[in-house]
Amino acid sequence: MVDLRCSVALIRKNQILLLHRTSRPDHDNHGDWVLPGGHPADGESMWACAAREVQEETGLSVDVGRCLFVYEVVGPSEIGRRVELVFAATAPTLDGLSSREPDRHPELVDLDDLQALDLRPPLAGYLRGLRWRQPPGAAYLGNLWRPPKTADLGES
């Protein structure tokens, strides 16, 4: 089974738009950071999906550009896989940027600060590289699955 997702990399003035996911007992997100995006609806194009998801999650209207890269996440004990298409995006204004979902908070993060975040999947190096001119075509990044970080239980 393939879980298809579309997301955007909106970079502005050396900052990128990310969603900080706060912990919820019914979800497996423990304060991590993700690109805004989600699943396409039936009959919806990948571009349209990316634009709709950003608007739903952040309140921003964006212009979706070319596909920057594609990656997959396949864990060692998982039956399916997630495939994500990441598109470039621009926004004429950041007016209206706000949290639209209770556990997802949009923030502009400095590209040089990405390494310190729990970015899921670990895309910091790829995202920092987007500030430079990219070759034509989308890069395939391969399987980016990493085990989730565990809480420090005070064990030595």
N, C-alpha and C. Protein backbone atom coordinates (compact mmCIF):
# COMPACT_ATOMS: atom_id res chain seq x y z
N MET A 1 0.85 -1.17 0.00
CA MET A 1 0.00 0.00 0.00
C MET A 1 0.90 1.24 0.00
N VAL A 2 0.53 2.23 -0.80
CA VAL A 2 1.29 3.48 -0.90
C VAL A 2 0.45 4.62 -0.33
N ASP A 3 1.05 5.35 0.60
CA ASP A 3 0.45 6.54 1.20
C ASP A 3 1.07 7.73 0.49
N LEU A 4 0.35 8.34 -0.44
CA LEU A 4 0.86 9.44 -1.24
C LEU A 4 0.59 10.77 -0.56
N ARG A 5 1.61 11.62 -0.47
CA ARG A 5 1.48 12.94 0.13
C ARG A 5 2.14 13.98 -0.77
N CYS A 6 1.65 15.22 -0.66
CA CYS A 6 2.21 16.35 -1.39
C CYS A 6 2.49 17.45 -0.38
N SER A 7 3.68 18.03 -0.44
CA SER A 7 4.02 19.10 0.50
C SER A 7 4.77 20.20 -0.24
N VAL A 8 5.00 21.30 0.47
CA VAL A 8 5.69 22.42 -0.15
C VAL A 8 6.88 22.86 0.68
N ALA A 9 7.85 23.42 -0.03
CA ALA A 9 8.99 24.11 0.59
C ALA A 9 8.85 25.57 0.19
N LEU A 10 8.36 26.38 1.12
CA LEU A 10 8.21 27.81 0.89
C LEU A 10 9.36 28.48 1.61
N ILE A 11 10.31 29.00 0.82
CA ILE A 11 11.49 29.66 1.38
C ILE A 11 11.40 31.14 1.09
N ARG A 12 11.63 31.92 2.13
CA ARG A 12 11.57 33.37 2.01
C ARG A 12 12.60 33.98 2.95
N LYS A 13 13.51 34.77 2.37
CA LYS A 13 14.54 35.47 3.15
C LYS A 13 15.29 34.51 4.08
N ASN A 14 15.79 33.43 3.53
CA ASN A 14 16.59 32.45 4.27
C ASN A 14 15.81 31.73 5.37
N GLN A 15 14.48 31.74 5.27
CA GLN A 15 13.63 31.02 6.21
C GLN A 15 12.70 30.10 5.43
N ILE A 16 12.30 29.01 6.08
CA ILE A 16 11.38 28.06 5.46
C ILE A 16 10.16 27.90 6.35
N LEU A 17 9.02 27.72 5.72
CA LEU A 17 7.77 27.52 6.45
C LEU A 17 7.68 26.05 6.88
N LEU A 18 7.55 25.84 8.18
CA LEU A 18 7.38 24.49 8.74
C LEU A 18 6.19 24.48 9.68
N LEU A 19 5.71 23.28 9.97
CA LEU A 19 4.67 23.09 10.98
C LEU A 19 5.29 22.42 12.18
N HIS A 20 5.12 23.02 13.35
CA HIS A 20 5.55 22.41 14.59
C HIS A 20 4.37 21.63 15.14
N ARG A 21 4.52 20.31 15.19
CA ARG A 21 3.43 19.47 15.67
C ARG A 21 3.59 19.25 17.17
N THR A 22 2.56 19.63 17.90
CA THR A 22 2.60 19.42 19.35
C THR A 22 2.03 18.05 19.66
N SER A 23 2.43 17.51 20.76
CA SER A 23 2.02 16.15 21.12
C SER A 23 0.53 16.06 21.40
N ARG A 24 -0.04 14.99 20.88
CA ARG A 24 -1.43 14.64 21.18
C ARG A 24 -1.45 13.16 21.53
N PRO A 25 -2.22 12.77 22.53
CA PRO A 25 -2.20 11.36 22.94
C PRO A 25 -2.67 10.39 21.85
N ASP A 26 -3.49 10.87 20.89
CA ASP A 26 -4.01 9.98 19.85
C ASP A 26 -3.19 10.02 18.57
N HIS A 27 -2.03 10.70 18.57
CA HIS A 27 -1.18 10.78 17.39
C HIS A 27 0.26 10.48 17.77
N ASP A 28 1.04 10.05 16.79
CA ASP A 28 2.44 9.72 17.03
C ASP A 28 3.33 10.89 16.60
N ASN A 29 3.07 12.06 17.14
CA ASN A 29 3.94 13.21 16.88
C ASN A 29 4.31 13.82 18.22
N HIS A 30 5.58 13.91 18.45
CA HIS A 30 6.08 14.30 19.77
C HIS A 30 6.86 15.60 19.68
N GLY A 31 6.21 16.66 19.23
CA GLY A 31 6.87 17.94 19.13
C GLY A 31 7.81 18.05 17.94
N ASP A 32 7.57 17.26 16.92
CA ASP A 32 8.45 17.29 15.75
C ASP A 32 8.02 18.39 14.78
N TRP A 33 8.75 18.52 13.69
CA TRP A 33 8.54 19.56 12.68
C TRP A 33 8.38 18.88 11.33
N VAL A 34 7.45 19.39 10.51
CA VAL A 34 7.21 18.83 9.18
C VAL A 34 6.95 19.95 8.18
N LEU A 35 7.10 19.63 6.91
CA LEU A 35 6.68 20.54 5.85
C LEU A 35 5.16 20.54 5.79
N PRO A 36 4.53 21.66 5.46
CA PRO A 36 3.08 21.65 5.30
C PRO A 36 2.70 20.81 4.07
N GLY A 37 1.67 20.01 4.24
CA GLY A 37 1.23 19.17 3.13
C GLY A 37 0.26 18.11 3.60
N GLY A 38 -0.16 17.27 2.68
CA GLY A 38 -1.11 16.21 3.03
C GLY A 38 -1.45 15.34 1.85
N HIS A 39 -2.58 14.68 1.95
CA HIS A 39 -3.01 13.69 0.96
C HIS A 39 -3.92 14.30 -0.10
N PRO A 40 -3.73 13.89 -1.36
CA PRO A 40 -4.63 14.39 -2.41
C PRO A 40 -6.02 13.77 -2.30
N ALA A 41 -7.00 14.59 -2.60
CA ALA A 41 -8.38 14.10 -2.68
C ALA A 41 -8.57 13.39 -4.02
N ASP A 42 -9.59 12.57 -4.12
CA ASP A 42 -9.87 11.89 -5.39
C ASP A 42 -10.03 12.91 -6.51
N GLY A 43 -9.32 12.70 -7.60
CA GLY A 43 -9.41 13.57 -8.76
C GLY A 43 -8.60 14.86 -8.64
N GLU A 44 -7.90 15.06 -7.54
CA GLU A 44 -7.14 16.30 -7.32
C GLU A 44 -5.71 16.12 -7.81
N SER A 45 -5.17 17.14 -8.49
CA SER A 45 -3.78 17.08 -8.95
C SER A 45 -2.85 17.24 -7.76
N MET A 46 -1.60 16.85 -7.95
CA MET A 46 -0.60 16.98 -6.88
C MET A 46 -0.38 18.46 -6.54
N TRP A 47 -0.31 19.33 -7.55
CA TRP A 47 -0.16 20.77 -7.32
C TRP A 47 -1.33 21.31 -6.51
N ALA A 48 -2.53 20.96 -6.92
CA ALA A 48 -3.72 21.45 -6.22
C ALA A 48 -3.75 20.95 -4.78
N CYS A 49 -3.34 19.72 -4.58
CA CYS A 49 -3.29 19.16 -3.22
C CYS A 49 -2.33 19.97 -2.36
N ALA A 50 -1.13 20.22 -2.88
CA ALA A 50 -0.13 20.96 -2.11
C ALA A 50 -0.65 22.35 -1.74
N ALA A 51 -1.25 23.04 -2.68
CA ALA A 51 -1.78 24.39 -2.41
C ALA A 51 -2.92 24.34 -1.39
N ARG A 52 -3.82 23.39 -1.54
CA ARG A 52 -4.95 23.27 -0.62
C ARG A 52 -4.48 22.96 0.80
N GLU A 53 -3.55 22.03 0.92
CA GLU A 53 -3.07 21.64 2.25
C GLU A 53 -2.38 22.80 2.96
N VAL A 54 -1.58 23.57 2.23
CA VAL A 54 -0.92 24.72 2.85
C VAL A 54 -1.96 25.72 3.34
N GLN A 55 -2.98 25.97 2.53
CA GLN A 55 -4.03 26.91 2.93
C GLN A 55 -4.78 26.39 4.16
N GLU A 56 -5.09 25.10 4.17
CA GLU A 56 -5.82 24.52 5.30
C GLU A 56 -4.99 24.54 6.58
N GLU A 57 -3.68 24.31 6.47
CA GLU A 57 -2.85 24.19 7.66
C GLU A 57 -2.27 25.52 8.15
N THR A 58 -2.12 26.50 7.24
CA THR A 58 -1.44 27.74 7.62
C THR A 58 -2.24 29.01 7.32
N GLY A 59 -3.29 28.91 6.53
CA GLY A 59 -4.05 30.09 6.13
C GLY A 59 -3.46 30.83 4.95
N LEU A 60 -2.33 30.38 4.42
CA LEU A 60 -1.68 31.08 3.31
C LEU A 60 -2.14 30.55 1.96
N SER A 61 -2.29 31.47 1.01
CA SER A 61 -2.50 31.09 -0.38
C SER A 61 -1.13 31.09 -1.05
N VAL A 62 -0.79 29.98 -1.68
CA VAL A 62 0.53 29.86 -2.29
C VAL A 62 0.41 29.53 -3.76
N ASP A 63 1.46 29.89 -4.49
CA ASP A 63 1.62 29.47 -5.88
C ASP A 63 2.59 28.31 -5.86
N VAL A 64 2.14 27.17 -6.32
CA VAL A 64 2.96 25.97 -6.31
C VAL A 64 3.76 25.89 -7.60
N GLY A 65 5.05 25.66 -7.46
CA GLY A 65 5.95 25.57 -8.61
C GLY A 65 6.34 24.14 -8.93
N ARG A 66 7.57 23.99 -9.35
CA ARG A 66 8.03 22.68 -9.80
C ARG A 66 8.28 21.71 -8.64
N CYS A 67 8.29 20.43 -8.96
CA CYS A 67 8.62 19.41 -7.98
C CYS A 67 10.12 19.47 -7.71
N LEU A 68 10.49 19.65 -6.44
CA LEU A 68 11.89 19.75 -6.05
C LEU A 68 12.52 18.39 -5.82
N PHE A 69 11.81 17.56 -5.05
CA PHE A 69 12.31 16.21 -4.80
C PHE A 69 11.18 15.29 -4.37
N VAL A 70 11.49 14.01 -4.45
CA VAL A 70 10.57 12.94 -4.07
C VAL A 70 11.32 12.05 -3.10
N TYR A 71 10.65 11.64 -2.04
CA TYR A 71 11.27 10.68 -1.13
C TYR A 71 10.23 9.69 -0.66
N GLU A 72 10.70 8.62 -0.05
CA GLU A 72 9.79 7.64 0.52
C GLU A 72 10.20 7.35 1.95
N VAL A 73 9.25 6.86 2.71
CA VAL A 73 9.50 6.45 4.09
C VAL A 73 8.96 5.04 4.23
N VAL A 74 9.86 4.10 4.44
CA VAL A 74 9.50 2.70 4.61
C VAL A 74 10.24 2.18 5.83
N GLY A 75 9.51 1.94 6.90
CA GLY A 75 10.13 1.41 8.11
C GLY A 75 10.37 -0.08 7.99
N PRO A 76 11.28 -0.62 8.79
CA PRO A 76 11.64 -2.04 8.67
C PRO A 76 10.50 -3.00 8.99
N SER A 77 9.53 -2.59 9.79
CA SER A 77 8.43 -3.49 10.13
C SER A 77 7.10 -3.00 9.58
N GLU A 78 7.13 -2.02 8.68
CA GLU A 78 5.89 -1.49 8.13
C GLU A 78 5.47 -2.26 6.89
N ILE A 79 4.17 -2.34 6.68
CA ILE A 79 3.64 -3.03 5.51
C ILE A 79 3.60 -2.12 4.31
N GLY A 80 3.24 -0.87 4.49
CA GLY A 80 3.14 0.08 3.38
C GLY A 80 4.32 1.01 3.32
N ARG A 81 4.20 2.00 2.48
CA ARG A 81 5.24 3.02 2.35
C ARG A 81 4.57 4.36 2.10
N ARG A 82 5.24 5.43 2.54
CA ARG A 82 4.79 6.78 2.24
C ARG A 82 5.69 7.33 1.16
N VAL A 83 5.09 7.90 0.13
CA VAL A 83 5.82 8.57 -0.93
C VAL A 83 5.38 10.03 -0.90
N GLU A 84 6.37 10.93 -0.84
CA GLU A 84 6.05 12.35 -0.74
C GLU A 84 6.70 13.12 -1.87
N LEU A 85 5.90 13.97 -2.52
CA LEU A 85 6.38 14.89 -3.54
C LEU A 85 6.48 16.26 -2.89
N VAL A 86 7.65 16.88 -2.95
CA VAL A 86 7.86 18.20 -2.34
C VAL A 86 8.01 19.22 -3.45
N PHE A 87 7.11 20.22 -3.45
CA PHE A 87 7.08 21.25 -4.48
C PHE A 87 7.61 22.56 -3.94
N ALA A 88 8.22 23.35 -4.80
CA ALA A 88 8.56 24.73 -4.46
C ALA A 88 7.26 25.52 -4.38
N ALA A 89 7.24 26.53 -3.53
CA ALA A 89 6.05 27.39 -3.43
C ALA A 89 6.48 28.81 -3.09
N THR A 90 5.66 29.74 -3.54
CA THR A 90 5.84 31.14 -3.19
C THR A 90 4.51 31.67 -2.69
N ALA A 91 4.60 32.72 -1.89
CA ALA A 91 3.39 33.39 -1.39
C ALA A 91 3.58 34.88 -1.57
N PRO A 92 2.60 35.55 -2.16
CA PRO A 92 2.74 36.99 -2.35
C PRO A 92 2.83 37.75 -1.02
N THR A 93 2.23 37.19 0.00
CA THR A 93 2.25 37.82 1.32
C THR A 93 2.15 36.73 2.39
N LEU A 94 2.62 37.04 3.58
CA LEU A 94 2.47 36.13 4.71
C LEU A 94 1.32 36.56 5.62
N ASP A 95 0.57 37.57 5.16
CA ASP A 95 -0.62 37.98 5.91
C ASP A 95 -1.56 36.79 6.00
N GLY A 96 -2.10 36.55 7.14
CA GLY A 96 -3.01 35.42 7.31
C GLY A 96 -2.34 34.17 7.84
N LEU A 97 -1.01 34.17 7.99
CA LEU A 97 -0.31 33.00 8.53
C LEU A 97 -0.79 32.76 9.95
N SER A 98 -1.40 31.62 10.16
CA SER A 98 -1.92 31.30 11.49
C SER A 98 -2.12 29.80 11.62
N SER A 99 -2.23 29.36 12.85
CA SER A 99 -2.48 27.95 13.13
C SER A 99 -3.94 27.65 12.83
N ARG A 100 -4.17 26.66 11.97
CA ARG A 100 -5.54 26.29 11.60
C ARG A 100 -5.95 24.94 12.17
N GLU A 101 -4.98 24.21 12.71
CA GLU A 101 -5.25 22.91 13.30
C GLU A 101 -4.68 22.93 14.71
N PRO A 102 -5.37 22.32 15.68
CA PRO A 102 -4.96 22.48 17.08
C PRO A 102 -3.56 21.96 17.42
N ASP A 103 -3.06 21.01 16.68
CA ASP A 103 -1.75 20.44 17.02
C ASP A 103 -0.66 20.78 16.01
N ARG A 104 -0.91 21.73 15.11
CA ARG A 104 0.08 22.12 14.09
C ARG A 104 0.19 23.64 14.07
N HIS A 105 1.42 24.11 14.32
CA HIS A 105 1.64 25.54 14.44
C HIS A 105 2.67 25.99 13.40
N PRO A 106 2.24 26.77 12.40
CA PRO A 106 3.17 27.19 11.35
C PRO A 106 4.17 28.23 11.87
N GLU A 107 5.42 28.05 11.46
CA GLU A 107 6.47 28.99 11.83
C GLU A 107 7.46 29.11 10.69
N LEU A 108 8.00 30.30 10.50
CA LEU A 108 9.13 30.48 9.60
C LEU A 108 10.40 30.21 10.40
N VAL A 109 11.20 29.28 9.92
CA VAL A 109 12.40 28.85 10.63
C VAL A 109 13.62 29.17 9.77
N ASP A 110 14.64 29.73 10.38
CA ASP A 110 15.88 30.03 9.67
C ASP A 110 16.49 28.73 9.16
N LEU A 111 16.90 28.74 7.90
CA LEU A 111 17.47 27.53 7.30
C LEU A 111 18.69 27.02 8.07
N ASP A 112 19.45 27.92 8.68
CA ASP A 112 20.63 27.50 9.42
C ASP A 112 20.28 26.87 10.77
N ASP A 113 19.04 26.95 11.20
CA ASP A 113 18.61 26.38 12.47
C ASP A 113 17.94 25.01 12.32
N LEU A 114 17.80 24.52 11.10
CA LEU A 114 17.08 23.27 10.86
C LEU A 114 17.72 22.07 11.54
N GLN A 115 19.04 22.03 11.58
CA GLN A 115 19.73 20.86 12.12
C GLN A 115 19.36 20.61 13.58
N ALA A 116 19.00 21.64 14.32
CA ALA A 116 18.68 21.50 15.73
C ALA A 116 17.25 21.01 15.97
N LEU A 117 16.43 20.96 14.93
CA LEU A 117 15.03 20.56 15.07
C LEU A 117 14.86 19.06 14.86
N ASP A 118 13.80 18.53 15.44
CA ASP A 118 13.40 17.14 15.17
C ASP A 118 12.53 17.17 13.91
N LEU A 119 13.20 17.30 12.77
CA LEU A 119 12.52 17.40 11.48
C LEU A 119 12.21 16.00 10.98
N ARG A 120 10.93 15.75 10.64
CA ARG A 120 10.51 14.42 10.20
C ARG A 120 10.00 14.48 8.79
N PRO A 121 10.57 13.70 7.88
CA PRO A 121 11.82 12.97 8.04
C PRO A 121 12.99 13.94 8.09
N PRO A 122 14.20 13.44 8.29
CA PRO A 122 15.37 14.32 8.44
C PRO A 122 15.80 14.95 7.11
N LEU A 123 15.20 16.07 6.78
CA LEU A 123 15.42 16.75 5.49
C LEU A 123 16.29 18.00 5.61
N ALA A 124 16.85 18.28 6.77
CA ALA A 124 17.53 19.56 7.01
C ALA A 124 18.57 19.88 5.94
N GLY A 125 19.43 18.96 5.62
CA GLY A 125 20.47 19.23 4.62
C GLY A 125 19.90 19.52 3.25
N TYR A 126 18.89 18.76 2.86
CA TYR A 126 18.25 18.99 1.55
C TYR A 126 17.56 20.35 1.51
N LEU A 127 16.87 20.69 2.59
CA LEU A 127 16.15 21.96 2.63
C LEU A 127 17.11 23.15 2.64
N ARG A 128 18.20 23.04 3.39
CA ARG A 128 19.19 24.14 3.39
C ARG A 128 19.76 24.35 1.99
N GLY A 129 19.94 23.27 1.25
CA GLY A 129 20.48 23.37 -0.10
C GLY A 129 19.57 24.05 -1.09
N LEU A 130 18.30 24.21 -0.75
CA LEU A 130 17.35 24.83 -1.68
C LEU A 130 17.57 26.32 -1.86
N ARG A 131 18.39 26.92 -1.02
CA ARG A 131 18.64 28.37 -1.20
C ARG A 131 19.50 28.64 -2.43
N TRP A 132 20.13 27.61 -2.97
CA TRP A 132 20.94 27.77 -4.18
C TRP A 132 20.17 27.25 -5.39
N ARG A 133 20.57 27.69 -6.54
CA ARG A 133 19.92 27.27 -7.79
C ARG A 133 19.93 25.74 -7.90
N GLN A 134 18.80 25.20 -8.28
CA GLN A 134 18.64 23.75 -8.38
C GLN A 134 18.69 23.30 -9.84
N PRO A 135 19.24 22.12 -10.08
CA PRO A 135 19.22 21.60 -11.44
C PRO A 135 17.79 21.27 -11.86
N PRO A 136 17.53 21.22 -13.17
CA PRO A 136 16.18 20.87 -13.61
C PRO A 136 15.83 19.44 -13.21
N GLY A 137 14.58 19.20 -13.02
CA GLY A 137 14.12 17.86 -12.65
C GLY A 137 14.09 17.69 -11.14
N ALA A 138 13.33 16.72 -10.71
CA ALA A 138 13.20 16.44 -9.28
C ALA A 138 14.21 15.40 -8.86
N ALA A 139 14.82 15.59 -7.71
CA ALA A 139 15.76 14.61 -7.17
C ALA A 139 14.99 13.54 -6.42
N TYR A 140 15.45 12.30 -6.53
CA TYR A 140 14.89 11.20 -5.74
C TYR A 140 15.82 10.99 -4.55
N LEU A 141 15.31 11.18 -3.34
CA LEU A 141 16.14 11.11 -2.14
C LEU A 141 16.20 9.73 -1.51
N GLY A 142 15.40 8.80 -1.99
CA GLY A 142 15.44 7.45 -1.42
C GLY A 142 14.60 7.33 -0.16
N ASN A 143 14.88 6.27 0.61
CA ASN A 143 14.14 5.99 1.83
C ASN A 143 14.72 6.81 2.98
N LEU A 144 13.92 7.70 3.54
CA LEU A 144 14.38 8.57 4.62
C LEU A 144 13.85 8.13 5.98
N TRP A 145 13.42 6.88 6.11
CA TRP A 145 12.92 6.41 7.41
C TRP A 145 14.04 6.46 8.44
N ARG A 146 13.71 6.95 9.60
CA ARG A 146 14.59 6.93 10.76
C ARG A 146 13.75 6.58 11.97
N PRO A 147 14.29 5.87 12.93
CA PRO A 147 13.47 5.57 14.12
C PRO A 147 13.12 6.85 14.85
N PRO A 148 11.94 6.89 15.45
CA PRO A 148 11.55 8.10 16.20
C PRO A 148 12.49 8.31 17.37
N LYS A 149 12.70 9.56 17.72
CA LYS A 149 13.50 9.85 18.90
C LYS A 149 12.70 9.44 20.12
N THR A 150 13.37 8.85 21.08
CA THR A 150 12.70 8.43 22.30
C THR A 150 12.94 9.47 23.38
N ALA A 151 12.01 9.56 24.28
CA ALA A 151 12.14 10.51 25.39
C ALA A 151 13.28 10.06 26.29
N ASP A 152 14.00 11.01 26.83
CA ASP A 152 15.08 10.71 27.77
C ASP A 152 14.46 10.21 29.07
N LEU A 153 14.71 8.96 29.36
CA LEU A 153 14.11 8.36 30.56
C LEU A 153 15.07 8.39 31.74
N GLY A 154 16.17 9.10 31.61
CA GLY A 154 17.12 9.21 32.71
C GLY A 154 17.98 7.97 32.87
N GLU A 155 17.97 7.09 31.88
CA GLU A 155 18.78 5.87 31.96
C GLU A 155 20.18 6.16 31.47
N SER A 156 21.16 5.48 32.01
CA SER A 156 22.54 5.66 31.59
C SER A 156 22.99 4.52 30.74
